[in-house]
């Protein structure tokens, strides 16, 4: 089984890079044939995507995509240092999304066959 790590730095709003990364992850887990193991690690302003109940101007948010990925077994972690810097460390997160550390990102990177960054 192929192991793919997607690292997202891009903020959830202001550009479509974060959305594109999540859409790619969804396409990968929905791929017919041998399904890859997909992991997501969010850094910098991307960690804000892990907060629940955000709605954009069209009435949709990224929460639905993240919940779908979690239900498909995708591990999703937010950088602890980045979350602390944004005052998020004690806030509730979307169920299934958790706080991660740089050593965990290093381990995921070493174990991945492919690393994609956004």
C-alpha atoms as a PDB file:
ATOM      1  CA  UNK A   1       0.000   0.000   0.000  1.00  0.00           C
ATOM      2  CA  UNK A   2       1.293   3.415  -0.957  1.00  0.00           C
ATOM      3  CA  UNK A   3       1.652   5.944   1.889  1.00  0.00           C
ATOM      4  CA  UNK A   4       0.992   9.596   1.085  1.00  0.00           C
ATOM      5  CA  UNK A   5       1.556  12.517   3.427  1.00  0.00           C
ATOM      6  CA  UNK A   6      -0.052  15.853   2.602  1.00  0.00           C
ATOM      7  CA  UNK A   7       1.398  18.841   4.457  1.00  0.00           C
ATOM      8  CA  UNK A   8      -0.729  21.979   4.375  1.00  0.00           C
ATOM      9  CA  UNK A   9       0.716  25.404   5.256  1.00  0.00           C
ATOM     10  CA  UNK A  10      -1.835  27.503   3.378  1.00  0.00           C
ATOM     11  CA  UNK A  11      -4.552  29.246   5.379  1.00  0.00           C
ATOM     12  CA  UNK A  12      -8.064  27.857   4.977  1.00  0.00           C
ATOM     13  CA  UNK A  13      -9.322  31.182   3.632  1.00  0.00           C
ATOM     14  CA  UNK A  14      -7.893  33.753   1.228  1.00  0.00           C
ATOM     15  CA  UNK A  15      -6.704  31.236  -1.360  1.00  0.00           C
ATOM     16  CA  UNK A  16      -7.840  27.851  -2.561  1.00  0.00           C
ATOM     17  CA  UNK A  17      -4.646  25.945  -1.714  1.00  0.00           C
ATOM     18  CA  UNK A  18      -6.025  24.435   1.511  1.00  0.00           C
ATOM     19  CA  UNK A  19      -9.275  23.464  -0.215  1.00  0.00           C
ATOM     20  CA  UNK A  20      -7.336  21.961  -3.112  1.00  0.00           C
ATOM     21  CA  UNK A  21      -5.218  19.901  -0.703  1.00  0.00           C
ATOM     22  CA  UNK A  22      -8.353  18.551   1.008  1.00  0.00           C
ATOM     23  CA  UNK A  23      -9.991  17.815  -2.328  1.00  0.00           C
ATOM     24  CA  UNK A  24      -6.893  15.910  -3.429  1.00  0.00           C
ATOM     25  CA  UNK A  25      -6.933  13.908  -0.190  1.00  0.00           C
ATOM     26  CA  UNK A  26     -10.617  13.089  -0.809  1.00  0.00           C
ATOM     27  CA  UNK A  27      -9.862  11.967  -4.356  1.00  0.00           C
ATOM     28  CA  UNK A  28      -7.001   9.785  -3.142  1.00  0.00           C
ATOM     29  CA  UNK A  29      -9.095   7.970  -0.524  1.00  0.00           C
ATOM     30  CA  UNK A  30     -11.916   7.583  -3.052  1.00  0.00           C
ATOM     31  CA  UNK A  31      -9.597   6.157  -5.706  1.00  0.00           C
ATOM     32  CA  UNK A  32     -10.764   2.886  -7.203  1.00  0.00           C
ATOM     33  CA  UNK A  33      -8.223   0.118  -6.970  1.00  0.00           C
ATOM     34  CA  UNK A  34      -5.590  -0.118  -4.289  1.00  0.00           C
ATOM     35  CA  UNK A  35      -6.338   2.668  -1.871  1.00  0.00           C
ATOM     36  CA  UNK A  36      -3.361   4.575  -0.472  1.00  0.00           C
ATOM     37  CA  UNK A  37      -2.878   5.413   3.178  1.00  0.00           C
ATOM     38  CA  UNK A  38      -3.307   9.185   3.386  1.00  0.00           C
ATOM     39  CA  UNK A  39      -2.237  11.400   6.286  1.00  0.00           C
ATOM     40  CA  UNK A  40      -2.651  15.163   6.680  1.00  0.00           C
ATOM     41  CA  UNK A  41      -0.502  17.451   8.805  1.00  0.00           C
ATOM     42  CA  UNK A  42      -1.577  21.095   9.035  1.00  0.00           C
ATOM     43  CA  UNK A  43       0.950  23.800   9.925  1.00  0.00           C
ATOM     44  CA  UNK A  44       1.008  27.596  10.160  1.00  0.00           C
ATOM     45  CA  UNK A  45      -2.387  29.214   9.491  1.00  0.00           C
ATOM     46  CA  UNK A  46      -3.760  25.940   8.097  1.00  0.00           C
ATOM     47  CA  UNK A  47      -4.369  24.766  11.682  1.00  0.00           C
ATOM     48  CA  UNK A  48      -7.417  27.057  11.818  1.00  0.00           C
ATOM     49  CA  UNK A  49      -9.198  24.602   9.491  1.00  0.00           C
ATOM     50  CA  UNK A  50      -9.380  22.164  12.421  1.00  0.00           C
ATOM     51  CA  UNK A  51     -11.843  24.367  14.319  1.00  0.00           C
ATOM     52  CA  UNK A  52     -15.519  23.337  14.014  1.00  0.00           C
ATOM     53  CA  UNK A  53     -18.531  25.398  12.945  1.00  0.00           C
ATOM     54  CA  UNK A  54     -16.834  27.707  10.444  1.00  0.00           C
ATOM     55  CA  UNK A  55     -19.020  28.757   7.539  1.00  0.00           C
ATOM     56  CA  UNK A  56     -17.868  30.732   4.526  1.00  0.00           C
ATOM     57  CA  UNK A  57     -19.957  33.138   2.445  1.00  0.00           C
ATOM     58  CA  UNK A  58     -21.540  30.336   0.417  1.00  0.00           C
ATOM     59  CA  UNK A  59     -22.705  28.562   3.586  1.00  0.00           C
ATOM     60  CA  UNK A  60     -20.126  25.803   3.299  1.00  0.00           C
ATOM     61  CA  UNK A  61     -16.962  25.227   5.228  1.00  0.00           C
ATOM     62  CA  UNK A  62     -14.069  22.813   5.236  1.00  0.00           C
ATOM     63  CA  UNK A  63     -15.463  20.871   8.197  1.00  0.00           C
ATOM     64  CA  UNK A  64     -17.491  18.527   5.984  1.00  0.00           C
ATOM     65  CA  UNK A  65     -14.430  17.544   3.970  1.00  0.00           C
ATOM     66  CA  UNK A  66     -12.367  16.991   7.117  1.00  0.00           C
ATOM     67  CA  UNK A  67     -15.155  14.883   8.658  1.00  0.00           C
ATOM     68  CA  UNK A  68     -15.360  12.791   5.494  1.00  0.00           C
ATOM     69  CA  UNK A  69     -11.611  12.235   5.530  1.00  0.00           C
ATOM     70  CA  UNK A  70     -11.708  11.212   9.201  1.00  0.00           C
ATOM     71  CA  UNK A  71     -14.545   8.775   8.449  1.00  0.00           C
ATOM     72  CA  UNK A  72     -12.352   7.275   5.706  1.00  0.00           C
ATOM     73  CA  UNK A  73      -9.552   6.636   8.198  1.00  0.00           C
ATOM     74  CA  UNK A  74      -7.313   9.578   7.301  1.00  0.00           C
ATOM     75  CA  UNK A  75      -5.177  10.712  10.235  1.00  0.00           C
ATOM     76  CA  UNK A  76      -5.309  14.506  10.558  1.00  0.00           C
ATOM     77  CA  UNK A  77      -3.027  16.395  12.914  1.00  0.00           C
ATOM     78  CA  UNK A  78      -2.534  20.070  13.658  1.00  0.00           C
ATOM     79  CA  UNK A  79       0.893  21.397  14.607  1.00  0.00           C
ATOM     80  CA  UNK A  80       0.944  21.933  18.359  1.00  0.00           C
ATOM     81  CA  UNK A  81       3.283  24.941  18.209  1.00  0.00           C
ATOM     82  CA  UNK A  82       1.193  26.558  15.470  1.00  0.00           C
ATOM     83  CA  UNK A  83      -2.055  25.944  17.381  1.00  0.00           C
ATOM     84  CA  UNK A  84      -0.524  27.405  20.548  1.00  0.00           C
ATOM     85  CA  UNK A  85       0.644  30.501  18.648  1.00  0.00           C
ATOM     86  CA  UNK A  86      -2.936  31.059  17.483  1.00  0.00           C
ATOM     87  CA  UNK A  87      -4.563  30.532  20.889  1.00  0.00           C
ATOM     88  CA  UNK A  88      -6.229  27.285  19.782  1.00  0.00           C
ATOM     89  CA  UNK A  89      -4.598  24.703  21.990  1.00  0.00           C
ATOM     90  CA  UNK A  90      -7.520  24.408  24.416  1.00  0.00           C
ATOM     91  CA  UNK A  91     -10.320  24.920  21.889  1.00  0.00           C
ATOM     92  CA  UNK A  92     -12.479  22.016  20.719  1.00  0.00           C
ATOM     93  CA  UNK A  93     -11.491  20.573  17.356  1.00  0.00           C
ATOM     94  CA  UNK A  94     -13.461  18.813  14.656  1.00  0.00           C
ATOM     95  CA  UNK A  95     -13.962  15.243  15.937  1.00  0.00           C
ATOM     96  CA  UNK A  96     -11.118  13.030  14.736  1.00  0.00           C
ATOM     97  CA  UNK A  97      -8.694  15.920  14.242  1.00  0.00           C
ATOM     98  CA  UNK A  98      -5.952  16.041  16.866  1.00  0.00           C
ATOM     99  CA  UNK A  99      -2.903  18.006  17.902  1.00  0.00           C
ATOM    100  CA  UNK A 100       0.413  16.677  16.628  1.00  0.00           C
ATOM    101  CA  UNK A 101       4.068  17.441  17.133  1.00  0.00           C
ATOM    102  CA  UNK A 102       7.061  18.025  14.896  1.00  0.00           C
ATOM    103  CA  UNK A 103       8.561  14.628  15.862  1.00  0.00           C
ATOM    104  CA  UNK A 104       5.305  13.023  14.667  1.00  0.00           C
ATOM    105  CA  UNK A 105       5.550  14.934  11.387  1.00  0.00           C
ATOM    106  CA  UNK A 106       9.146  13.745  11.054  1.00  0.00           C
ATOM    107  CA  UNK A 107       8.040  10.127  11.601  1.00  0.00           C
ATOM    108  CA  UNK A 108       5.189  10.459   9.105  1.00  0.00           C
ATOM    109  CA  UNK A 109       7.602  11.979   6.566  1.00  0.00           C
ATOM    110  CA  UNK A 110      10.134   9.161   6.956  1.00  0.00           C
ATOM    111  CA  UNK A 111       7.395   6.547   6.567  1.00  0.00           C
ATOM    112  CA  UNK A 112       5.750   8.172   3.532  1.00  0.00           C
ATOM    113  CA  UNK A 113       6.318   7.084  -0.050  1.00  0.00           C
ATOM    114  CA  UNK A 114       5.242  10.535  -1.244  1.00  0.00           C
ATOM    115  CA  UNK A 115       5.027  13.925   0.474  1.00  0.00           C
ATOM    116  CA  UNK A 116       2.899  16.646  -1.088  1.00  0.00           C
ATOM    117  CA  UNK A 117       2.873  20.199   0.250  1.00  0.00           C
ATOM    118  CA  UNK A 118       0.379  22.995  -0.211  1.00  0.00           C
END
